[in-house]
């Protein structure tokens, strides 16, 4: 099953590379492409009535994938995958957080592939990001703020670092009640 989940993960990176190539050739009309992947069961079928219908996927997995994709602008990323999608898959990725997505009861852990230039951190930065994210998850606002501030100074173009730098500062000043380690979206 991991091999089955690896294919769409690799395809998402191939899409990103193809779009980047297209955008270089068509700088006047670039495609703003973002990808979000989730794994699970879905249904395929005709949806609609006699006058207008479409063949498409339906189910909670489709909504979750859409919500994951919607995190890309917030985090400054282009490709995000659920931890479920990457479980047991040999694809280097960094954990970019756990989110309680709109309309969902259970939080989803989301990862960003490190390959294909999707991640802007070096190996030191990846380790520091993971440590700062761990501090944030356990509610150690000062350690999280210090970690993300240091990363933001060194990697100002990294979207997840910028997001958590601002979030950890805000949480230190006004800690959320009943913190579970998941960012509510």
N, C-alpha and C. Protein backbone atom coordinates (compact mmCIF):
# COMPACT_ATOMS: atom_id res chain seq x y z
N UNK A 1 0.81 -1.20 0.00
CA UNK A 1 0.00 0.00 0.00
C UNK A 1 0.85 1.26 0.00
N UNK A 2 2.04 1.23 0.64
CA UNK A 2 2.91 2.40 0.64
C UNK A 2 3.33 2.77 -0.78
N UNK A 3 3.55 1.75 -1.62
CA UNK A 3 3.94 2.02 -3.01
C UNK A 3 2.81 2.73 -3.75
N UNK A 4 1.57 2.38 -3.43
CA UNK A 4 0.42 3.03 -4.07
C UNK A 4 0.35 4.50 -3.65
N UNK A 5 0.66 4.79 -2.38
CA UNK A 5 0.61 6.17 -1.89
C UNK A 5 1.83 6.98 -2.34
N UNK A 6 2.94 6.29 -2.65
CA UNK A 6 4.13 6.98 -3.13
C UNK A 6 3.89 7.60 -4.51
N UNK A 7 3.15 6.92 -5.37
CA UNK A 7 2.94 7.42 -6.73
C UNK A 7 2.27 8.80 -6.76
N UNK A 8 1.16 9.03 -6.06
CA UNK A 8 0.59 10.39 -6.11
C UNK A 8 1.49 11.43 -5.43
N UNK A 9 2.24 11.01 -4.41
CA UNK A 9 3.16 11.95 -3.76
C UNK A 9 4.24 12.38 -4.75
N UNK A 10 4.80 11.42 -5.47
CA UNK A 10 5.80 11.75 -6.49
C UNK A 10 5.17 12.54 -7.64
N UNK A 11 3.93 12.21 -7.99
CA UNK A 11 3.24 12.94 -9.05
C UNK A 11 3.03 14.40 -8.66
N UNK A 12 2.76 14.65 -7.38
CA UNK A 12 2.57 16.04 -6.95
C UNK A 12 3.85 16.85 -7.15
N UNK A 13 5.00 16.22 -6.92
CA UNK A 13 6.27 16.90 -7.15
C UNK A 13 6.53 17.09 -8.64
N UNK A 14 6.14 16.11 -9.44
CA UNK A 14 6.30 16.24 -10.90
C UNK A 14 5.40 17.36 -11.43
N UNK A 15 4.20 17.48 -10.89
CA UNK A 15 3.31 18.57 -11.28
C UNK A 15 3.96 19.91 -10.96
N UNK A 16 4.52 20.02 -9.77
CA UNK A 16 5.18 21.26 -9.36
C UNK A 16 6.32 21.60 -10.31
N UNK A 17 7.14 20.62 -10.66
CA UNK A 17 8.25 20.86 -11.60
C UNK A 17 7.73 21.29 -12.97
N UNK A 18 6.68 20.62 -13.47
CA UNK A 18 6.12 20.96 -14.78
C UNK A 18 5.53 22.37 -14.78
N UNK A 19 4.87 22.74 -13.71
CA UNK A 19 4.29 24.07 -13.61
C UNK A 19 5.39 25.13 -13.55
N UNK A 20 6.46 24.85 -12.81
CA UNK A 20 7.58 25.79 -12.74
C UNK A 20 8.19 25.99 -14.13
N UNK A 21 8.34 24.89 -14.87
CA UNK A 21 8.88 24.99 -16.24
C UNK A 21 7.94 25.81 -17.12
N UNK A 22 6.64 25.56 -17.02
CA UNK A 22 5.65 26.32 -17.78
C UNK A 22 5.72 27.80 -17.40
N UNK A 23 5.79 28.08 -16.11
CA UNK A 23 5.82 29.47 -15.64
C UNK A 23 7.06 30.21 -16.11
N UNK A 24 8.20 29.52 -16.21
CA UNK A 24 9.40 30.16 -16.74
C UNK A 24 9.21 30.52 -18.21
N UNK A 25 8.53 29.65 -18.96
CA UNK A 25 8.31 29.90 -20.39
C UNK A 25 7.18 30.89 -20.65
N UNK A 26 6.28 31.06 -19.66
CA UNK A 26 5.12 31.95 -19.83
C UNK A 26 5.02 32.90 -18.64
N UNK A 27 6.05 33.70 -18.47
CA UNK A 27 6.12 34.59 -17.31
C UNK A 27 4.96 35.59 -17.28
N UNK A 28 4.37 35.88 -18.44
CA UNK A 28 3.26 36.84 -18.48
C UNK A 28 1.94 36.24 -17.99
N UNK A 29 1.84 34.91 -17.95
CA UNK A 29 0.61 34.27 -17.48
C UNK A 29 0.93 33.00 -16.69
N UNK A 30 1.56 33.15 -15.52
CA UNK A 30 1.94 31.97 -14.74
C UNK A 30 0.73 31.27 -14.12
N UNK A 31 0.87 29.97 -13.92
CA UNK A 31 -0.17 29.18 -13.27
C UNK A 31 0.11 29.11 -11.77
N UNK A 32 -0.78 29.60 -10.93
CA UNK A 32 -0.58 29.51 -9.48
C UNK A 32 -1.08 28.16 -8.96
N UNK A 33 -0.24 27.14 -9.09
CA UNK A 33 -0.66 25.78 -8.77
C UNK A 33 -0.23 25.37 -7.37
N UNK A 34 -1.19 24.76 -6.63
CA UNK A 34 -0.93 24.22 -5.30
C UNK A 34 -1.58 22.85 -5.23
N UNK A 35 -0.96 21.95 -4.45
CA UNK A 35 -1.44 20.58 -4.35
C UNK A 35 -1.64 20.21 -2.89
N UNK A 36 -2.71 19.48 -2.60
CA UNK A 36 -2.95 18.91 -1.29
C UNK A 36 -3.40 17.47 -1.46
N UNK A 37 -2.77 16.55 -0.72
CA UNK A 37 -3.11 15.13 -0.86
C UNK A 37 -3.56 14.54 0.48
N UNK A 38 -4.59 13.72 0.42
CA UNK A 38 -5.06 12.93 1.55
C UNK A 38 -5.29 11.52 1.02
N UNK A 39 -5.28 10.55 1.90
CA UNK A 39 -5.46 9.15 1.53
C UNK A 39 -6.67 8.58 2.24
N UNK A 40 -7.45 7.78 1.52
CA UNK A 40 -8.61 7.14 2.12
C UNK A 40 -9.57 6.68 1.04
N UNK A 41 -10.76 6.30 1.49
CA UNK A 41 -11.77 5.82 0.56
C UNK A 41 -12.61 6.97 0.03
N UNK A 42 -13.01 6.85 -1.24
CA UNK A 42 -13.88 7.83 -1.86
C UNK A 42 -14.79 7.12 -2.84
N UNK A 43 -15.76 7.83 -3.32
CA UNK A 43 -16.68 7.31 -4.33
C UNK A 43 -16.52 8.13 -5.60
N UNK A 44 -16.61 7.45 -6.74
CA UNK A 44 -16.61 8.12 -8.04
C UNK A 44 -17.97 7.90 -8.66
N UNK A 45 -18.53 8.96 -9.23
CA UNK A 45 -19.82 8.77 -9.87
C UNK A 45 -20.35 10.04 -10.48
N UNK A 46 -21.49 9.90 -11.13
CA UNK A 46 -22.17 11.04 -11.72
C UNK A 46 -22.92 11.77 -10.62
N UNK A 47 -22.71 13.07 -10.56
CA UNK A 47 -23.35 13.92 -9.56
C UNK A 47 -24.16 14.96 -10.31
N UNK A 48 -25.39 15.17 -9.89
CA UNK A 48 -26.22 16.21 -10.50
C UNK A 48 -27.51 15.64 -11.03
N UNK A 49 -28.17 16.46 -11.83
CA UNK A 49 -29.47 16.08 -12.37
C UNK A 49 -29.44 15.88 -13.87
N UNK A 50 -30.61 15.80 -14.45
CA UNK A 50 -30.73 15.52 -15.88
C UNK A 50 -30.15 16.63 -16.74
N UNK A 51 -30.34 17.87 -16.35
CA UNK A 51 -29.87 19.01 -17.14
C UNK A 51 -28.35 19.21 -17.04
N UNK A 52 -27.82 18.96 -15.86
CA UNK A 52 -26.39 19.19 -15.69
C UNK A 52 -25.85 18.19 -14.67
N UNK A 53 -24.82 17.46 -15.06
CA UNK A 53 -24.18 16.54 -14.13
C UNK A 53 -22.70 16.45 -14.48
N UNK A 54 -21.97 15.93 -13.53
CA UNK A 54 -20.54 15.75 -13.74
C UNK A 54 -20.10 14.45 -13.08
N UNK A 55 -19.04 13.91 -13.59
CA UNK A 55 -18.44 12.70 -13.04
C UNK A 55 -17.29 13.15 -12.16
N UNK A 56 -17.34 12.83 -10.86
CA UNK A 56 -16.29 13.29 -9.97
C UNK A 56 -16.20 12.44 -8.72
N UNK A 57 -15.15 12.69 -7.97
CA UNK A 57 -14.94 12.02 -6.69
C UNK A 57 -15.72 12.76 -5.61
N UNK A 58 -16.30 12.00 -4.68
CA UNK A 58 -17.01 12.59 -3.55
C UNK A 58 -16.63 11.84 -2.28
N UNK A 59 -16.77 12.52 -1.17
CA UNK A 59 -16.49 11.90 0.12
C UNK A 59 -15.64 12.81 0.99
N UNK A 60 -15.49 12.39 2.24
CA UNK A 60 -14.74 13.19 3.20
C UNK A 60 -13.30 13.38 2.77
N UNK A 61 -12.70 12.39 2.13
CA UNK A 61 -11.31 12.49 1.69
C UNK A 61 -11.12 13.64 0.69
N UNK A 62 -12.12 13.85 -0.17
CA UNK A 62 -12.04 14.94 -1.15
C UNK A 62 -12.04 16.28 -0.42
N UNK A 63 -12.93 16.42 0.57
CA UNK A 63 -12.99 17.66 1.33
C UNK A 63 -11.70 17.90 2.12
N UNK A 64 -11.16 16.84 2.72
CA UNK A 64 -9.93 16.98 3.50
C UNK A 64 -8.77 17.37 2.59
N UNK A 65 -8.65 16.74 1.43
CA UNK A 65 -7.59 17.09 0.48
C UNK A 65 -7.70 18.55 0.07
N UNK A 66 -8.93 19.00 -0.16
CA UNK A 66 -9.15 20.40 -0.52
C UNK A 66 -8.73 21.34 0.62
N UNK A 67 -9.04 20.97 1.84
CA UNK A 67 -8.66 21.80 3.00
C UNK A 67 -7.14 21.81 3.18
N UNK A 68 -6.50 20.67 2.94
CA UNK A 68 -5.03 20.61 3.01
C UNK A 68 -4.43 21.50 1.93
N UNK A 69 -4.95 21.42 0.73
CA UNK A 69 -4.48 22.28 -0.36
C UNK A 69 -4.67 23.74 0.04
N UNK A 70 -5.75 24.05 0.72
CA UNK A 70 -6.02 25.42 1.15
C UNK A 70 -5.05 25.96 2.19
N UNK A 71 -4.27 25.09 2.83
CA UNK A 71 -3.25 25.53 3.76
C UNK A 71 -2.02 26.11 3.05
N UNK A 72 -1.83 25.77 1.78
CA UNK A 72 -0.65 26.22 1.04
C UNK A 72 -0.47 27.74 1.07
N UNK A 73 -1.49 28.55 0.76
CA UNK A 73 -1.28 30.00 0.81
C UNK A 73 -0.94 30.50 2.22
N UNK A 74 -1.56 29.90 3.23
CA UNK A 74 -1.31 30.29 4.61
C UNK A 74 0.13 29.99 5.01
N UNK A 75 0.64 28.83 4.60
CA UNK A 75 1.98 28.40 4.98
C UNK A 75 3.06 28.80 3.97
N UNK A 76 2.66 29.37 2.84
CA UNK A 76 3.64 29.74 1.82
C UNK A 76 4.28 28.54 1.17
N UNK A 77 3.51 27.48 0.99
CA UNK A 77 4.00 26.24 0.38
C UNK A 77 3.28 26.00 -0.93
N UNK A 78 3.71 24.97 -1.65
CA UNK A 78 3.07 24.61 -2.93
C UNK A 78 2.49 23.21 -2.90
N UNK A 79 3.11 22.31 -2.12
CA UNK A 79 2.65 20.92 -2.04
C UNK A 79 2.59 20.52 -0.57
N UNK A 80 1.42 20.03 -0.14
CA UNK A 80 1.25 19.53 1.22
C UNK A 80 0.58 18.17 1.18
N UNK A 81 1.03 17.27 2.04
CA UNK A 81 0.52 15.91 2.08
C UNK A 81 0.15 15.57 3.52
N UNK A 82 -0.91 14.80 3.69
CA UNK A 82 -1.28 14.37 5.04
C UNK A 82 -0.29 13.32 5.52
N UNK A 83 -0.18 13.21 6.84
CA UNK A 83 0.68 12.17 7.42
C UNK A 83 0.17 10.80 7.03
N UNK A 84 -1.14 10.66 6.86
CA UNK A 84 -1.73 9.38 6.42
C UNK A 84 -1.20 9.00 5.05
N UNK A 85 -1.08 9.97 4.17
CA UNK A 85 -0.59 9.71 2.82
C UNK A 85 0.87 9.26 2.84
N UNK A 86 1.67 9.84 3.72
CA UNK A 86 3.10 9.52 3.74
C UNK A 86 3.48 8.44 4.74
N UNK A 87 2.51 7.86 5.45
CA UNK A 87 2.83 6.81 6.42
C UNK A 87 3.49 5.63 5.71
N UNK A 88 4.71 5.32 6.09
CA UNK A 88 5.44 4.20 5.50
C UNK A 88 5.99 4.45 4.11
N UNK A 89 5.85 5.67 3.62
CA UNK A 89 6.32 6.01 2.27
C UNK A 89 7.72 6.62 2.39
N UNK A 90 8.62 6.17 1.52
CA UNK A 90 9.99 6.66 1.54
C UNK A 90 10.10 7.93 0.68
N UNK A 91 9.65 9.04 1.27
CA UNK A 91 9.73 10.34 0.60
C UNK A 91 10.09 11.36 1.68
N UNK A 92 11.27 11.95 1.58
CA UNK A 92 11.66 12.92 2.60
C UNK A 92 10.67 14.08 2.67
N UNK A 93 10.22 14.37 3.88
CA UNK A 93 9.25 15.45 4.09
C UNK A 93 9.41 16.00 5.49
N UNK A 94 9.04 17.25 5.66
CA UNK A 94 9.06 17.82 7.00
C UNK A 94 7.64 18.02 7.50
N UNK A 95 7.48 17.78 8.77
CA UNK A 95 6.22 18.00 9.46
C UNK A 95 6.03 19.51 9.55
N UNK A 96 4.93 20.03 9.01
CA UNK A 96 4.66 21.47 9.10
C UNK A 96 3.50 21.77 10.03
N UNK A 97 3.08 20.77 10.80
CA UNK A 97 2.10 21.05 11.83
C UNK A 97 0.88 20.17 11.81
N UNK A 98 0.12 20.31 12.88
CA UNK A 98 -1.15 19.61 13.02
C UNK A 98 -2.24 20.66 13.04
N UNK A 99 -3.25 20.46 12.21
CA UNK A 99 -4.29 21.47 12.02
C UNK A 99 -5.67 20.87 12.21
N UNK A 100 -6.52 21.61 12.87
CA UNK A 100 -7.93 21.27 12.93
C UNK A 100 -8.58 22.08 11.82
N UNK A 101 -8.83 21.42 10.71
CA UNK A 101 -9.31 22.08 9.50
C UNK A 101 -10.80 22.40 9.61
N UNK A 102 -11.21 23.42 8.89
CA UNK A 102 -12.60 23.86 8.90
C UNK A 102 -13.52 22.69 8.53
N UNK A 103 -14.53 22.49 9.36
CA UNK A 103 -15.52 21.44 9.11
C UNK A 103 -15.07 20.05 9.52
N UNK A 104 -13.93 19.92 10.18
CA UNK A 104 -13.40 18.61 10.58
C UNK A 104 -13.43 18.48 12.10
N UNK A 105 -13.64 17.26 12.58
CA UNK A 105 -13.63 17.00 14.02
C UNK A 105 -12.27 16.58 14.52
N UNK A 106 -11.49 15.91 13.66
CA UNK A 106 -10.19 15.40 14.06
C UNK A 106 -9.07 16.20 13.38
N UNK A 107 -8.00 16.49 14.12
CA UNK A 107 -6.88 17.22 13.51
C UNK A 107 -6.11 16.35 12.51
N UNK A 108 -5.46 17.01 11.58
CA UNK A 108 -4.68 16.36 10.52
C UNK A 108 -3.25 16.87 10.59
N UNK A 109 -2.30 15.95 10.63
CA UNK A 109 -0.89 16.33 10.58
C UNK A 109 -0.50 16.43 9.11
N UNK A 110 0.18 17.52 8.77
CA UNK A 110 0.48 17.85 7.38
C UNK A 110 2.00 17.95 7.20
N UNK A 111 2.47 17.44 6.06
CA UNK A 111 3.90 17.43 5.76
C UNK A 111 4.16 18.09 4.41
N UNK A 112 5.35 18.64 4.28
CA UNK A 112 5.80 19.24 3.02
C UNK A 112 6.97 18.43 2.50
N UNK A 113 6.91 17.97 1.24
CA UNK A 113 8.05 17.24 0.68
C UNK A 113 9.31 18.11 0.69
N UNK A 114 10.44 17.49 0.95
CA UNK A 114 11.71 18.21 0.96
C UNK A 114 12.28 18.26 -0.45
N UNK A 115 11.92 17.31 -1.29
CA UNK A 115 12.48 17.19 -2.64
C UNK A 115 11.96 18.28 -3.58
N UNK A 116 12.59 18.38 -4.72
CA UNK A 116 12.17 19.24 -5.83
C UNK A 116 12.10 20.71 -5.43
N UNK A 117 12.92 21.13 -4.49
CA UNK A 117 12.95 22.53 -4.11
C UNK A 117 11.70 23.01 -3.39
N UNK A 118 10.85 22.07 -2.96
CA UNK A 118 9.62 22.47 -2.28
C UNK A 118 9.92 23.07 -0.92
N UNK A 119 10.97 22.62 -0.26
CA UNK A 119 11.34 23.09 1.08
C UNK A 119 12.59 23.95 0.97
N UNK A 120 12.62 25.07 1.68
CA UNK A 120 13.74 26.01 1.57
C UNK A 120 14.77 25.88 2.70
N UNK A 121 14.64 24.89 3.57
CA UNK A 121 15.55 24.75 4.70
C UNK A 121 16.64 23.73 4.41
N UNK A 122 17.81 23.95 4.99
CA UNK A 122 18.87 22.95 4.92
C UNK A 122 18.67 21.94 6.05
N UNK A 123 19.56 20.97 6.19
CA UNK A 123 19.37 19.92 7.21
C UNK A 123 19.37 20.50 8.62
N UNK A 124 20.22 21.51 8.89
CA UNK A 124 20.22 22.17 10.19
C UNK A 124 18.87 22.85 10.42
N UNK A 125 18.39 23.56 9.41
CA UNK A 125 17.12 24.26 9.53
C UNK A 125 15.96 23.31 9.76
N UNK A 126 15.99 22.14 9.10
CA UNK A 126 14.93 21.16 9.29
C UNK A 126 14.89 20.67 10.74
N UNK A 127 16.06 20.41 11.31
CA UNK A 127 16.12 19.96 12.70
C UNK A 127 15.64 21.05 13.65
N UNK A 128 16.03 22.29 13.41
CA UNK A 128 15.60 23.41 14.25
C UNK A 128 14.10 23.65 14.11
N UNK A 129 13.57 23.52 12.90
CA UNK A 129 12.14 23.68 12.69
C UNK A 129 11.37 22.63 13.48
N UNK A 130 11.83 21.38 13.40
CA UNK A 130 11.16 20.29 14.13
C UNK A 130 11.18 20.55 15.63
N UNK A 131 12.30 21.04 16.16
CA UNK A 131 12.39 21.33 17.60
C UNK A 131 11.44 22.46 17.99
N UNK A 132 11.39 23.51 17.18
CA UNK A 132 10.50 24.63 17.48
C UNK A 132 9.04 24.21 17.38
N UNK A 133 8.72 23.38 16.41
CA UNK A 133 7.35 22.89 16.26
C UNK A 133 6.96 22.00 17.44
N UNK A 134 7.88 21.19 17.92
CA UNK A 134 7.63 20.36 19.10
C UNK A 134 7.35 21.24 20.31
N UNK A 135 8.12 22.31 20.48
CA UNK A 135 7.90 23.24 21.59
C UNK A 135 6.52 23.88 21.47
N UNK A 136 6.13 24.27 20.27
CA UNK A 136 4.81 24.86 20.06
C UNK A 136 3.71 23.86 20.42
N UNK A 137 3.86 22.62 19.97
CA UNK A 137 2.84 21.61 20.23
C UNK A 137 2.65 21.36 21.74
N UNK A 138 3.73 21.42 22.49
CA UNK A 138 3.60 21.17 23.93
C UNK A 138 3.24 22.44 24.71
N UNK A 139 3.10 23.57 24.00
CA UNK A 139 2.69 24.81 24.65
C UNK A 139 3.82 25.57 25.29
N UNK A 140 5.05 25.30 24.90
CA UNK A 140 6.21 26.05 25.40
C UNK A 140 6.41 27.24 24.46
N UNK A 141 5.61 28.27 24.70
CA UNK A 141 5.54 29.41 23.78
C UNK A 141 6.88 30.13 23.65
N UNK A 142 7.61 30.29 24.74
CA UNK A 142 8.90 31.00 24.68
C UNK A 142 9.91 30.25 23.82
N UNK A 143 10.02 28.93 24.02
CA UNK A 143 10.96 28.14 23.22
C UNK A 143 10.55 28.13 21.75
N UNK A 144 9.25 28.04 21.50
CA UNK A 144 8.77 28.06 20.11
C UNK A 144 9.08 29.40 19.46
N UNK A 145 8.79 30.48 20.19
CA UNK A 145 9.06 31.81 19.63
C UNK A 145 10.54 32.01 19.35
N UNK A 146 11.38 31.60 20.29
CA UNK A 146 12.83 31.74 20.11
C UNK A 146 13.31 30.91 18.92
N UNK A 147 12.83 29.67 18.80
CA UNK A 147 13.23 28.81 17.69
C UNK A 147 12.80 29.34 16.34
N UNK A 148 11.54 29.74 16.23
CA UNK A 148 11.05 30.23 14.94
C UNK A 148 11.64 31.59 14.58
N UNK A 149 11.91 32.44 15.59
CA UNK A 149 12.54 33.74 15.31
C UNK A 149 13.94 33.54 14.74
N UNK A 150 14.71 32.61 15.33
CA UNK A 150 16.04 32.31 14.81
C UNK A 150 16.00 31.77 13.39
N UNK A 151 15.04 30.90 13.13
CA UNK A 151 14.89 30.35 11.77
C UNK A 151 14.48 31.44 10.79
N UNK A 152 13.57 32.32 11.19
CA UNK A 152 13.10 33.38 10.29
C UNK A 152 14.24 34.32 9.92
N UNK A 153 15.16 34.55 10.85
CA UNK A 153 16.31 35.40 10.54
C UNK A 153 17.23 34.72 9.53
N UNK A 154 17.37 33.41 9.64
CA UNK A 154 18.27 32.68 8.74
C UNK A 154 17.61 32.29 7.42
N UNK A 155 16.30 31.98 7.46
CA UNK A 155 15.57 31.52 6.27
C UNK A 155 14.33 32.39 6.05
N UNK A 156 14.50 33.66 5.68
CA UNK A 156 13.34 34.56 5.58
C UNK A 156 12.36 34.18 4.46
N UNK A 157 12.78 33.36 3.51
CA UNK A 157 11.89 32.98 2.41
C UNK A 157 11.10 31.71 2.69
N UNK A 158 11.28 31.10 3.84
CA UNK A 158 10.56 29.87 4.16
C UNK A 158 9.19 30.19 4.73
N UNK A 159 8.15 29.85 3.99
CA UNK A 159 6.78 30.17 4.38
C UNK A 159 6.35 29.60 5.72
N UNK A 160 6.52 28.28 5.96
CA UNK A 160 6.12 27.75 7.26
C UNK A 160 6.85 28.41 8.43
N UNK A 161 8.12 28.75 8.25
CA UNK A 161 8.86 29.44 9.30
C UNK A 161 8.25 30.80 9.58
N UNK A 162 7.94 31.57 8.52
CA UNK A 162 7.31 32.88 8.70
C UNK A 162 5.97 32.74 9.42
N UNK A 163 5.17 31.74 9.02
CA UNK A 163 3.86 31.54 9.64
C UNK A 163 4.00 31.26 11.13
N UNK A 164 4.87 30.33 11.49
CA UNK A 164 5.03 29.96 12.89
C UNK A 164 5.77 31.01 13.70
N UNK A 165 6.61 31.80 13.07
CA UNK A 165 7.26 32.90 13.77
C UNK A 165 6.18 33.85 14.29
N UNK A 166 5.25 34.23 13.42
CA UNK A 166 4.16 35.13 13.83
C UNK A 166 3.22 34.44 14.81
N UNK A 167 2.89 33.19 14.55
CA UNK A 167 1.94 32.47 15.42
C UNK A 167 2.51 32.27 16.82
N UNK A 168 3.77 31.88 16.92
CA UNK A 168 4.35 31.62 18.25
C UNK A 168 4.44 32.92 19.05
N UNK A 169 4.74 34.05 18.40
CA UNK A 169 4.75 35.34 19.11
C UNK A 169 3.36 35.66 19.64
N UNK A 170 2.35 35.46 18.79
CA UNK A 170 0.97 35.75 19.21
C UNK A 170 0.53 34.83 20.33
N UNK A 171 0.92 33.57 20.27
CA UNK A 171 0.51 32.62 21.31
C UNK A 171 1.23 32.87 22.63
N UNK A 172 2.46 33.35 22.57
CA UNK A 172 3.16 33.68 23.81
C UNK A 172 2.47 34.86 24.49
N UNK A 173 2.05 35.84 23.71
CA UNK A 173 1.39 37.02 24.27
C UNK A 173 -0.02 36.72 24.75
N UNK A 174 -0.72 35.82 24.05
CA UNK A 174 -2.10 35.49 24.40
C UNK A 174 -2.31 33.98 24.21
N UNK A 175 -1.86 33.18 25.19
CA UNK A 175 -1.95 31.72 25.05
C UNK A 175 -3.39 31.26 24.84
N UNK A 176 -3.59 30.34 23.90
CA UNK A 176 -4.95 29.85 23.64
C UNK A 176 -5.42 28.94 24.79
N UNK A 177 -6.69 29.06 25.17
CA UNK A 177 -7.21 28.16 26.20
C UNK A 177 -7.38 26.75 25.61
N UNK A 178 -7.22 25.75 26.43
CA UNK A 178 -7.44 24.36 26.02
C UNK A 178 -6.59 23.96 24.81
N UNK A 179 -5.32 24.33 24.81
CA UNK A 179 -4.41 24.03 23.70
C UNK A 179 -4.21 22.52 23.59
N UNK A 180 -4.40 21.99 22.38
CA UNK A 180 -4.22 20.56 22.14
C UNK A 180 -3.01 20.25 21.26
N UNK A 181 -2.34 21.29 20.79
CA UNK A 181 -1.21 21.09 19.88
C UNK A 181 -1.60 21.22 18.42
N UNK A 182 -2.90 21.38 18.15
CA UNK A 182 -3.39 21.53 16.78
C UNK A 182 -3.83 22.97 16.54
N UNK A 183 -3.37 23.54 15.45
CA UNK A 183 -3.75 24.90 15.08
C UNK A 183 -5.15 24.84 14.46
N UNK A 184 -6.04 25.64 14.99
CA UNK A 184 -7.42 25.67 14.47
C UNK A 184 -7.49 26.62 13.28
N UNK A 185 -7.98 26.09 12.16
CA UNK A 185 -8.11 26.89 10.94
C UNK A 185 -9.57 27.22 10.72
